[in-house]
Amino acid sequence: MARLFSKLKAIDFFKKIPSDLTEATLTGAWISILAAVIMVFLFGAEFSAFLSTTSKTSLVVDRSPQNELLKVNFNISFPALSCEFATVDVSDSLGTKRLNLTKTVRKVPISYDMVRQGAAMDDASHKPGPKYDEEGRFEDVDDIDITVPLSHENFEATLARYPIVVVNFYAPWCHWCQRLEPTWEAATKEVHDKYPEWDGRIRFAKVDCTQEMDLCRQHYITGFPSLRVFRRGHDDIYIAGMHEHEMYTGDRTKEALVSFADGLVPSAGQPHRKHANLTAAPSTPGCNLAGFVMVKRVPGSLHLVARSEGHSFDHAWMNLTHLVHGLHVGSRPSPRKYQQLKRLHPAGLTPDWADKLKDQMFVSEHTQSTHEHYLQIVRTTIEPAHSRHAGSYDAYEYTAHSHTFQSDDLPSVRFTYDLSPIQILVQETGKPWYQFLTTSCAIIGGVFTVAGILDAVLYQSFKAVKKMQLGKQG
């Protein structure tokens, strides 16, 4: 056994020198203290680096699952576009088209100053257009004096004379108005025969909006024809503490109009009674559109325009001036995720990092002005170190380029978006434990070795100087 231990001593890397053969010096002591301080400092720095994490940024082809949808959030105010006709459409390069989205879109009437007026409107999606009588059915109907278009001079007096007046706001050039005209005349004759002048409970009338533009704009008429119900000189009825305006949106046949009139007559003299077949008409000129749409991850557009299956629009009347309160893609990160994103984002976060159009106003300085906004969207995926899969999340940024031009088409606002095929992948990583041990050993060994070399150099230098001094003295 003693022989085995003797052989083991032969491979000792750290052979010891007897203490009586070593010499301690003051210089070596100072160098030892300095080396110890450096070791502690470097070890502490390395340990802090081991506990912290670093990020690695990569550019990869977008790894989104097939058929994954993207959420586009918006909040836009139009001071001169009525909620009655404001619609939100979505289309994309694959041919998908969805018109008049309502389930995830909220419409709120606003004033010219973009102040909210009343509650959000209940807008039914995909409502079919009104039915009409066959063309030529009432060609033999004689003209009726009472249907001579009203003007601003006799409009108020006519409304004040009868408890209920149903007014047809029309434009001679309008196709739907031309279809309605003979039916309107026939229905007017039958209603007035059934409820003659001496009865005086209801009357039909009409207004030519090409001749009475100010009168029509005063009542927020933007689509033709618009059928409004006025009670005792106004169409504002006070119900349960709220003011509401009424418009007729049913079929435009003679039978439907006469039946509608019969249903209105019992409410004559009762201006606070709401009729079941009437819907709220706009009492303000503008509309705020807010909500979100789910779109495919392909180039597409979000289209905001005035549209109705039974109305025509005068392009010169349409003013699509709008204020973008906000437009962002995807979901807003939570405060914790926002701080992670702010820390790990390759270039940091600017105040408008997620919404380049926030609080920007776009004014229609000319008639028939169409506004287009082109958005290029980039996806950034953050993968935290401790929850690489469960805690990863996406953040979307976009660049925006906007311009306004005059078009022969109906003025509109279009947000065209295009998604980059390149995804920014930010992965948070930590230092492995074995690397920490290797570096720690390198720090201790390296500092010890360098300190030993320095001590040896200084020791030999001092020794050589002493020899030279002794030689000169001898």
Protein backbone atom coordinates (compact mmCIF):
# COMPACT_ATOMS: atom_id res chain seq x y z
CA MET A 1 0.00 0.00 0.00
CA ALA A 2 2.83 2.38 0.87
CA ARG A 3 4.41 1.59 -2.47
CA LEU A 4 1.15 2.47 -4.30
CA PHE A 5 0.90 5.80 -2.47
CA SER A 6 4.46 6.53 -3.40
CA LYS A 7 3.69 6.04 -7.08
CA LEU A 8 0.62 8.27 -6.79
CA LYS A 9 2.77 11.07 -5.39
CA ALA A 10 4.81 10.97 -8.58
CA ILE A 11 1.86 12.29 -10.63
CA ASP A 12 1.11 15.18 -8.28
CA PHE A 13 0.59 18.33 -10.37
CA PHE A 14 1.00 20.55 -7.36
CA LYS A 15 4.34 19.57 -5.83
CA LYS A 16 5.02 21.45 -2.60
CA ILE A 17 8.10 23.39 -1.68
CA PRO A 18 9.15 23.18 1.97
CA SER A 19 8.30 26.31 3.86
CA ASP A 20 11.87 26.83 4.98
CA LEU A 21 12.90 27.12 1.32
CA THR A 22 10.39 29.91 0.55
CA GLU A 23 10.78 33.60 1.18
CA ALA A 24 7.98 36.06 1.88
CA THR A 25 8.37 39.64 0.65
CA LEU A 26 6.45 42.86 1.19
CA THR A 27 6.09 43.31 -2.58
CA GLY A 28 4.58 39.85 -2.89
CA ALA A 29 2.12 40.67 -0.13
CA TRP A 30 0.89 43.81 -1.94
CA ILE A 31 0.64 41.92 -5.21
CA SER A 32 -1.29 39.12 -3.47
CA ILE A 33 -3.77 41.61 -2.00
CA LEU A 34 -4.22 43.29 -5.39
CA ALA A 35 -4.67 39.90 -7.08
CA ALA A 36 -7.30 38.89 -4.53
CA VAL A 37 -9.24 42.12 -5.07
CA ILE A 38 -9.13 41.66 -8.85
CA MET A 39 -10.29 38.04 -8.51
CA VAL A 40 -13.25 39.02 -6.33
CA PHE A 41 -14.24 41.84 -8.66
CA LEU A 42 -14.03 39.73 -11.84
CA PHE A 43 -15.79 36.81 -10.18
CA GLY A 44 -18.63 39.10 -9.04
CA ALA A 45 -18.96 40.58 -12.53
CA GLU A 46 -19.03 37.12 -14.07
CA PHE A 47 -21.60 35.90 -11.54
CA SER A 48 -23.81 38.91 -12.30
CA ALA A 49 -23.50 38.16 -16.03
CA PHE A 50 -24.43 34.53 -15.33
CA LEU A 51 -27.62 35.59 -13.53
CA SER A 52 -28.62 38.06 -16.27
CA THR A 53 -29.86 37.21 -19.75
CA THR A 54 -28.98 38.39 -23.23
CA SER A 55 -31.05 38.56 -26.40
CA LYS A 56 -30.36 37.24 -29.84
CA THR A 57 -32.12 38.82 -32.82
CA SER A 58 -32.75 36.83 -35.98
CA LEU A 59 -34.53 37.48 -39.25
CA VAL A 60 -36.51 34.44 -40.36
CA VAL A 61 -39.30 33.69 -42.80
CA ASP A 62 -42.67 34.31 -41.11
CA ARG A 63 -43.60 31.19 -39.18
CA SER A 64 -47.29 31.99 -38.69
CA PRO A 65 -49.58 28.93 -38.83
CA GLN A 66 -51.54 28.50 -42.03
CA ASN A 67 -54.89 30.32 -42.13
CA GLU A 68 -54.08 32.27 -38.96
CA LEU A 69 -56.09 35.49 -38.74
CA LEU A 70 -54.76 38.92 -37.83
CA LYS A 71 -56.65 41.44 -35.71
CA VAL A 72 -56.81 45.04 -36.97
CA ASN A 73 -58.14 47.55 -34.41
CA PHE A 74 -59.37 51.01 -35.38
CA ASN A 75 -61.08 54.09 -33.95
CA ILE A 76 -61.86 56.77 -36.54
CA SER A 77 -64.15 59.83 -36.46
CA PHE A 78 -65.85 61.30 -39.53
CA PRO A 79 -67.39 64.72 -38.72
CA ALA A 80 -69.37 64.82 -41.99
CA LEU A 81 -70.26 61.14 -42.67
CA SER A 82 -73.60 60.03 -41.27
CA CYS A 83 -73.84 56.78 -39.31
CA GLU A 84 -76.91 56.01 -41.42
CA PHE A 85 -74.73 55.04 -44.39
CA ALA A 86 -71.20 54.63 -42.96
CA THR A 87 -69.94 51.11 -43.63
CA VAL A 88 -66.76 49.11 -43.05
CA ASP A 89 -65.67 46.64 -45.76
CA VAL A 90 -62.73 44.25 -45.89
CA SER A 91 -61.16 42.64 -48.94
CA ASP A 92 -57.88 40.84 -49.65
CA SER A 93 -55.73 39.57 -52.50
CA LEU A 94 -57.27 36.08 -52.25
CA GLY A 95 -60.61 37.44 -53.42
CA THR A 96 -62.32 37.53 -50.03
CA LYS A 97 -64.80 40.40 -49.68
CA ARG A 98 -66.90 41.19 -46.64
CA LEU A 99 -69.21 44.18 -46.90
CA ASN A 100 -70.81 46.26 -44.16
CA LEU A 101 -69.29 44.57 -41.12
CA THR A 102 -71.33 45.22 -37.99
CA LYS A 103 -70.71 42.54 -35.36
CA THR A 104 -67.37 43.95 -34.25
CA VAL A 105 -67.93 47.57 -35.29
CA ARG A 106 -69.60 50.24 -33.18
CA LYS A 107 -71.12 53.40 -34.67
CA VAL A 108 -71.62 56.46 -32.47
CA PRO A 109 -73.16 59.71 -33.76
CA ILE A 110 -70.90 62.74 -33.34
CA SER A 111 -71.15 66.47 -34.05
CA TYR A 112 -69.01 68.52 -36.43
CA ASP A 113 -66.70 69.11 -33.44
CA MET A 114 -66.46 65.31 -33.02
CA VAL A 115 -68.28 65.34 -29.70
CA ARG A 116 -70.32 62.22 -28.97
CA GLN A 117 -74.08 62.70 -29.36
CA GLY A 118 -76.25 59.92 -27.96
CA ALA A 119 -75.85 56.17 -27.81
CA ALA A 120 -74.26 53.80 -30.30
CA MET A 121 -76.43 52.80 -33.25
CA ASP A 122 -77.77 49.29 -33.67
CA ASP A 123 -76.89 48.41 -37.24
CA ALA A 124 -78.23 45.18 -38.75
CA SER A 125 -75.80 43.38 -41.04
CA HIS A 126 -76.67 42.38 -44.61
CA LYS A 127 -80.07 44.01 -44.54
CA PRO A 128 -81.79 43.43 -47.89
CA GLY A 129 -82.70 46.42 -50.03
CA PRO A 130 -86.30 47.65 -50.18
CA LYS A 131 -88.73 46.21 -52.72
CA TYR A 132 -90.23 48.34 -55.49
CA ASP A 133 -93.36 48.14 -57.62
CA GLU A 134 -92.92 47.03 -61.20
CA GLU A 135 -91.89 49.82 -63.53
CA GLY A 136 -94.77 51.33 -65.49
CA ARG A 137 -97.44 50.23 -63.01
CA PHE A 138 -98.57 53.78 -62.15
CA GLU A 139 -97.90 55.63 -65.38
CA ASP A 140 -101.56 56.78 -65.61
CA VAL A 141 -101.68 58.39 -62.16
CA ASP A 142 -102.57 62.09 -62.41
CA ASP A 143 -100.38 64.71 -60.81
CA ILE A 144 -101.40 65.60 -57.28
CA ASP A 145 -101.05 69.20 -56.18
CA ILE A 146 -100.12 68.33 -52.62
CA THR A 147 -96.98 66.53 -53.87
CA VAL A 148 -95.54 69.64 -55.51
CA PRO A 149 -92.07 69.79 -53.95
CA LEU A 150 -91.85 71.84 -50.80
CA SER A 151 -89.37 74.68 -50.56
CA HIS A 152 -87.65 76.42 -47.67
CA GLU A 153 -90.42 79.02 -47.80
CA ASN A 154 -93.33 76.67 -47.02
CA PHE A 155 -91.55 73.70 -45.43
CA GLU A 156 -92.01 74.73 -41.79
CA ALA A 157 -95.59 75.92 -42.37
CA THR A 158 -96.53 72.58 -43.96
CA LEU A 159 -95.04 70.61 -41.08
CA ALA A 160 -96.82 72.76 -38.52
CA ARG A 161 -100.18 72.33 -40.24
CA TYR A 162 -100.44 68.53 -39.90
CA PRO A 163 -99.75 66.23 -36.92
CA ILE A 164 -97.80 63.81 -39.15
CA VAL A 165 -96.00 64.59 -42.38
CA VAL A 166 -94.00 61.96 -44.26
CA VAL A 167 -91.40 63.72 -46.43
CA ASN A 168 -89.58 62.19 -49.38
CA PHE A 169 -86.19 63.90 -49.78
CA TYR A 170 -85.12 63.08 -53.32
CA ALA A 171 -82.87 64.09 -56.23
CA PRO A 172 -84.16 63.97 -59.82
CA TRP A 173 -80.97 62.33 -61.10
CA CYS A 174 -81.16 59.50 -58.54
CA HIS A 175 -82.07 56.10 -60.02
CA TRP A 176 -83.85 54.93 -56.87
CA CYS A 177 -85.79 58.20 -56.68
CA GLN A 178 -86.95 57.73 -60.25
CA ARG A 179 -88.11 54.20 -59.40
CA LEU A 180 -89.98 55.50 -56.34
CA GLU A 181 -91.60 58.55 -57.98
CA PRO A 182 -94.71 56.94 -59.58
CA THR A 183 -95.25 54.73 -56.52
CA TRP A 184 -94.95 57.74 -54.25
CA GLU A 185 -97.52 59.68 -56.27
CA ALA A 186 -99.96 56.74 -56.25
CA ALA A 187 -99.49 56.14 -52.52
CA THR A 188 -99.91 59.87 -51.84
CA LYS A 189 -103.21 59.93 -53.74
CA GLU A 190 -104.59 56.92 -51.87
CA VAL A 191 -103.49 58.20 -48.45
CA HIS A 192 -104.95 61.65 -49.10
CA ASP A 193 -108.19 60.14 -50.35
CA LYS A 194 -108.42 57.98 -47.23
CA TYR A 195 -107.47 60.84 -44.90
CA PRO A 196 -108.76 63.99 -46.67
CA GLU A 197 -107.91 67.55 -45.78
CA TRP A 198 -110.74 67.88 -43.26
CA ASP A 199 -109.35 64.82 -41.42
CA GLY A 200 -105.92 66.44 -41.37
CA ARG A 201 -104.04 63.74 -39.46
CA ILE A 202 -101.38 62.77 -42.05
CA ARG A 203 -99.91 64.09 -45.27
CA PHE A 204 -97.25 62.99 -47.73
CA ALA A 205 -94.84 65.57 -49.19
CA LYS A 206 -91.51 65.74 -50.99
CA VAL A 207 -88.43 67.96 -51.25
CA ASP A 208 -86.13 68.29 -54.25
CA CYS A 209 -82.66 68.36 -52.70
CA THR A 210 -81.03 69.69 -55.86
CA GLN A 211 -83.11 72.83 -55.43
CA GLU A 212 -83.18 72.95 -51.61
CA MET A 213 -79.63 71.93 -50.74
CA ASP A 214 -79.46 73.91 -47.49
CA LEU A 215 -82.81 72.51 -46.32
CA CYS A 216 -81.68 68.94 -46.95
CA ARG A 217 -78.32 69.44 -45.27
CA GLN A 218 -80.10 70.96 -42.30
CA HIS A 219 -81.82 67.60 -41.83
CA TYR A 220 -78.61 65.61 -42.50
CA ILE A 221 -79.81 64.13 -45.78
CA THR A 222 -76.85 62.51 -47.54
CA GLY A 223 -78.52 59.64 -49.43
CA PHE A 224 -81.49 59.70 -51.81
CA PRO A 225 -84.31 59.00 -51.41
CA SER A 226 -84.65 59.50 -47.64
CA LEU A 227 -88.12 59.15 -46.14
CA ARG A 228 -88.51 61.05 -42.86
CA VAL A 229 -91.43 61.31 -40.48
CA PHE A 230 -92.16 64.71 -38.92
CA ARG A 231 -94.57 65.08 -36.00
CA ARG A 232 -95.91 68.51 -35.13
CA GLY A 233 -93.29 70.33 -37.15
CA HIS A 234 -90.27 68.19 -36.23
CA ASP A 235 -89.07 64.62 -36.39
CA ASP A 236 -87.63 64.70 -32.90
CA ILE A 237 -89.61 62.56 -30.45
CA TYR A 238 -88.82 62.51 -26.75
CA ILE A 239 -88.87 58.98 -25.33
CA ALA A 240 -87.60 57.87 -21.93
CA GLY A 241 -85.38 60.89 -21.56
CA MET A 242 -83.75 60.56 -25.00
CA HIS A 243 -84.35 62.39 -28.26
CA GLU A 244 -84.71 60.18 -31.31
CA HIS A 245 -85.27 60.87 -34.97
CA GLU A 246 -87.34 58.62 -37.22
CA MET A 247 -86.97 57.43 -40.78
CA TYR A 248 -88.82 54.89 -42.88
CA THR A 249 -86.67 52.02 -44.18
CA GLY A 250 -89.31 49.53 -45.31
CA ASP A 251 -90.35 48.45 -48.79
CA ARG A 252 -91.07 51.15 -51.35
CA THR A 253 -94.21 49.70 -52.84
CA LYS A 254 -97.62 51.37 -52.82
CA GLU A 255 -99.08 48.74 -50.51
CA ALA A 256 -96.19 49.06 -48.05
CA LEU A 257 -96.37 52.88 -47.99
CA VAL A 258 -100.15 52.95 -47.51
CA SER A 259 -99.94 50.32 -44.80
CA PHE A 260 -97.20 52.35 -43.14
CA ALA A 261 -99.42 55.47 -43.23
CA ASP A 262 -102.32 53.53 -41.70
CA GLY A 263 -100.03 52.44 -38.89
CA LEU A 264 -98.92 56.02 -38.27
CA VAL A 265 -102.37 57.59 -38.09
CA PRO A 266 -103.24 56.33 -34.57
CA SER A 267 -100.18 58.18 -33.24
CA ALA A 268 -101.37 61.54 -34.63
CA GLY A 269 -101.46 64.05 -31.82
CA GLN A 270 -99.16 61.86 -29.72
CA PRO A 271 -95.65 63.07 -30.55
CA HIS A 272 -94.08 61.01 -27.76
CA ARG A 273 -95.35 57.69 -29.08
CA LYS A 274 -92.79 55.57 -30.89
CA HIS A 275 -93.87 53.67 -33.99
CA ALA A 276 -92.69 50.07 -34.27
CA ASN A 277 -91.98 50.26 -38.03
CA LEU A 278 -89.68 53.27 -37.77
CA THR A 279 -85.95 53.36 -37.04
CA ALA A 280 -83.80 56.10 -35.60
CA ALA A 281 -82.63 58.66 -38.14
CA PRO A 282 -79.35 60.55 -37.74
CA SER A 283 -79.62 63.68 -35.63
CA THR A 284 -75.98 64.62 -36.09
CA PRO A 285 -73.80 65.00 -39.19
CA GLY A 286 -70.91 62.75 -38.19
CA CYS A 287 -70.03 59.28 -37.02
CA ASN A 288 -67.34 57.57 -34.98
CA LEU A 289 -66.44 54.08 -36.16
CA ALA A 290 -64.58 51.91 -33.67
CA GLY A 291 -63.93 48.20 -33.34
CA PHE A 292 -61.81 45.52 -34.96
CA VAL A 293 -61.79 43.16 -37.92
CA MET A 294 -60.14 39.76 -38.33
CA VAL A 295 -58.27 39.49 -41.63
CA LYS A 296 -56.15 36.90 -43.35
CA ARG A 297 -52.40 37.35 -43.33
CA VAL A 298 -52.25 38.41 -46.96
CA PRO A 299 -52.31 41.86 -48.59
CA GLY A 300 -55.73 43.46 -48.26
CA SER A 301 -57.60 46.64 -47.44
CA LEU A 302 -59.97 48.13 -44.89
CA HIS A 303 -62.49 50.29 -46.75
CA LEU A 304 -64.69 52.93 -45.12
CA VAL A 305 -67.35 54.41 -47.39
CA ALA A 306 -71.01 55.47 -47.57
CA ARG A 307 -73.11 52.62 -48.96
CA SER A 308 -76.75 51.55 -49.13
CA GLU A 309 -78.63 49.14 -51.37
CA GLY A 310 -81.55 51.53 -51.75
CA HIS A 311 -79.91 54.96 -51.89
CA SER A 312 -77.86 57.06 -54.27
CA PHE A 313 -75.23 59.58 -53.24
CA ASP A 314 -74.09 62.89 -54.64
CA HIS A 315 -70.31 62.61 -54.79
CA ALA A 316 -69.88 66.34 -54.36
CA TRP A 317 -71.77 66.19 -51.04
CA MET A 318 -69.50 63.55 -49.53
CA ASN A 319 -66.82 64.89 -47.20
CA LEU A 320 -64.55 62.15 -45.88
CA THR A 321 -62.45 64.31 -43.57
CA HIS A 322 -61.44 62.03 -40.71
CA LEU A 323 -59.46 61.86 -37.49
CA VAL A 324 -57.64 58.60 -36.72
CA HIS A 325 -57.79 58.23 -32.94
CA GLY A 326 -55.97 54.94 -33.20
CA LEU A 327 -55.16 52.11 -35.60
CA HIS A 328 -53.02 49.22 -34.40
CA VAL A 329 -52.48 45.60 -35.36
CA GLY A 330 -52.75 42.68 -32.97
CA SER A 331 -53.42 42.87 -29.24
CA ARG A 332 -51.89 45.46 -26.98
CA PRO A 333 -49.18 43.92 -24.73
CA SER A 334 -49.76 43.82 -21.00
CA PRO A 335 -47.60 46.14 -18.84
CA ARG A 336 -45.22 43.25 -18.06
CA LYS A 337 -44.89 42.25 -21.70
CA TYR A 338 -44.50 45.88 -22.72
CA GLN A 339 -41.52 46.25 -20.36
CA GLN A 340 -40.00 43.06 -21.80
CA LEU A 341 -40.54 44.34 -25.33
CA LYS A 342 -39.04 47.71 -24.43
CA ARG A 343 -35.97 45.96 -23.00
CA LEU A 344 -35.48 43.36 -25.73
CA HIS A 345 -36.53 45.21 -28.88
CA PRO A 346 -33.46 45.57 -31.15
CA ALA A 347 -33.88 49.34 -31.63
CA GLY A 348 -35.97 50.18 -28.55
CA LEU A 349 -39.52 51.52 -28.62
CA THR A 350 -40.60 54.93 -29.84
CA PRO A 351 -43.80 56.57 -28.50
CA ASP A 352 -45.65 55.67 -31.72
CA TRP A 353 -44.10 52.23 -32.12
CA ALA A 354 -47.46 50.45 -32.55
CA ASP A 355 -49.62 53.24 -33.99
CA LYS A 356 -48.07 55.57 -36.55
CA LEU A 357 -51.44 57.21 -37.40
CA LYS A 358 -52.56 57.99 -33.84
CA ASP A 359 -54.34 61.37 -33.51
CA GLN A 360 -53.67 62.39 -37.12
CA MET A 361 -56.24 64.47 -39.02
CA PHE A 362 -56.80 64.09 -42.77
CA VAL A 363 -58.84 66.88 -44.36
CA SER A 364 -60.76 66.76 -47.65
CA GLU A 365 -59.82 70.14 -49.09
CA HIS A 366 -61.64 69.49 -52.38
CA THR A 367 -64.85 67.76 -53.42
CA GLN A 368 -64.70 64.05 -54.24
CA SER A 369 -61.51 63.61 -52.20
CA THR A 370 -60.49 60.04 -51.52
CA HIS A 371 -57.94 59.21 -48.81
CA GLU A 372 -55.59 56.25 -49.02
CA HIS A 373 -53.25 54.98 -46.32
CA TYR A 374 -50.65 52.34 -47.18
CA LEU A 375 -49.42 50.26 -44.24
CA GLN A 376 -46.46 47.87 -44.25
CA ILE A 377 -46.69 45.57 -41.22
CA VAL A 378 -43.75 43.80 -39.57
CA ARG A 379 -44.12 41.08 -36.96
CA THR A 380 -41.73 40.86 -33.99
CA THR A 381 -41.84 37.72 -31.84
CA ILE A 382 -40.42 37.89 -28.31
CA GLU A 383 -39.36 34.62 -26.66
CA PRO A 384 -38.43 35.10 -22.96
CA ALA A 385 -35.75 32.79 -21.58
CA HIS A 386 -37.71 31.16 -18.77
CA SER A 387 -40.95 30.60 -20.69
CA ARG A 388 -39.81 30.19 -24.27
CA HIS A 389 -43.02 28.61 -25.56
CA ALA A 390 -45.76 29.50 -23.08
CA GLY A 391 -44.66 33.10 -22.61
CA SER A 392 -43.80 34.07 -26.19
CA TYR A 393 -45.88 36.80 -27.80
CA ASP A 394 -46.09 38.86 -30.98
CA ALA A 395 -45.87 42.62 -31.42
CA TYR A 396 -46.73 44.35 -34.67
CA GLU A 397 -45.33 47.60 -36.04
CA TYR A 398 -46.09 49.30 -39.31
CA THR A 399 -44.97 52.14 -41.51
CA ALA A 400 -47.67 54.45 -42.88
CA HIS A 401 -47.79 56.49 -46.08
CA SER A 402 -50.91 58.57 -46.77
CA HIS A 403 -52.14 60.64 -49.68
CA THR A 404 -55.35 62.30 -50.88
CA PHE A 405 -56.57 62.57 -54.45
CA GLN A 406 -59.70 63.51 -56.38
CA SER A 407 -61.59 60.64 -57.96
CA ASP A 408 -64.67 60.20 -60.11
CA ASP A 409 -65.79 57.40 -57.83
CA LEU A 410 -67.63 57.85 -54.55
CA PRO A 411 -65.18 59.37 -52.01
CA SER A 412 -63.88 56.88 -49.49
CA VAL A 413 -61.12 56.11 -47.00
CA ARG A 414 -58.99 53.05 -47.65
CA PHE A 415 -56.34 51.46 -45.42
CA THR A 416 -54.29 49.12 -47.60
CA TYR A 417 -52.02 46.78 -45.64
CA ASP A 418 -49.23 44.45 -46.65
CA LEU A 419 -47.47 42.05 -44.28
CA SER A 420 -43.73 41.52 -44.53
CA PRO A 421 -42.75 37.88 -45.17
CA ILE A 422 -39.78 38.40 -42.82
CA GLN A 423 -40.33 37.95 -39.10
CA ILE A 424 -38.07 39.45 -36.41
CA LEU A 425 -37.35 36.80 -33.79
CA VAL A 426 -35.93 38.02 -30.47
CA GLN A 427 -34.80 35.15 -28.23
CA GLU A 428 -33.74 35.79 -24.66
CA THR A 429 -30.94 33.46 -23.56
CA GLY A 430 -28.90 32.93 -20.38
CA LYS A 431 -25.27 31.78 -19.88
CA PRO A 432 -24.91 27.98 -19.27
CA TRP A 433 -23.53 26.86 -15.90
CA TYR A 434 -20.49 25.10 -17.35
CA GLN A 435 -19.44 28.28 -19.13
CA PHE A 436 -19.73 30.15 -15.84
CA LEU A 437 -17.46 27.57 -14.13
CA THR A 438 -14.95 27.67 -16.98
CA THR A 439 -14.77 31.45 -16.91
CA SER A 440 -14.48 31.50 -13.11
CA CYS A 441 -11.56 29.10 -13.23
CA ALA A 442 -9.95 31.13 -15.99
CA ILE A 443 -10.32 34.29 -13.89
CA ILE A 444 -8.77 32.73 -10.78
CA GLY A 445 -5.98 30.91 -12.62
CA GLY A 446 -5.25 33.78 -14.95
CA VAL A 447 -5.03 36.42 -12.24
CA PHE A 448 -2.93 34.08 -10.05
CA THR A 449 -0.53 33.35 -12.90
CA VAL A 450 -0.17 36.97 -13.98
CA ALA A 451 0.33 38.05 -10.36
CA GLY A 452 3.01 35.33 -9.96
CA ILE A 453 4.82 36.49 -13.09
CA LEU A 454 4.69 40.11 -11.92
CA ASP A 455 5.96 39.15 -8.47
CA ALA A 456 8.81 37.11 -9.96
CA VAL A 457 9.85 39.96 -12.26
CA LEU A 458 9.84 42.50 -9.44
CA TYR A 459 11.68 40.12 -7.08
CA GLN A 460 14.44 39.39 -9.60
CA SER A 461 14.70 43.07 -10.49
CA PHE A 462 15.15 44.14 -6.88
CA LYS A 463 17.66 41.31 -6.38
CA ALA A 464 19.68 42.41 -9.41
CA VAL A 465 19.70 46.02 -8.21
CA LYS A 466 21.01 44.97 -4.79
CA LYS A 467 23.83 42.95 -6.40
CA MET A 468 24.83 45.94 -8.49
CA GLN A 469 24.88 48.16 -5.41
CA LEU A 470 27.03 45.64 -3.48
CA GLY A 471 29.43 45.34 -6.43
CA LYS A 472 29.98 49.08 -6.53
CA GLN A 473 30.58 49.21 -2.76
CA GLY A 474 33.20 46.38 -3.02
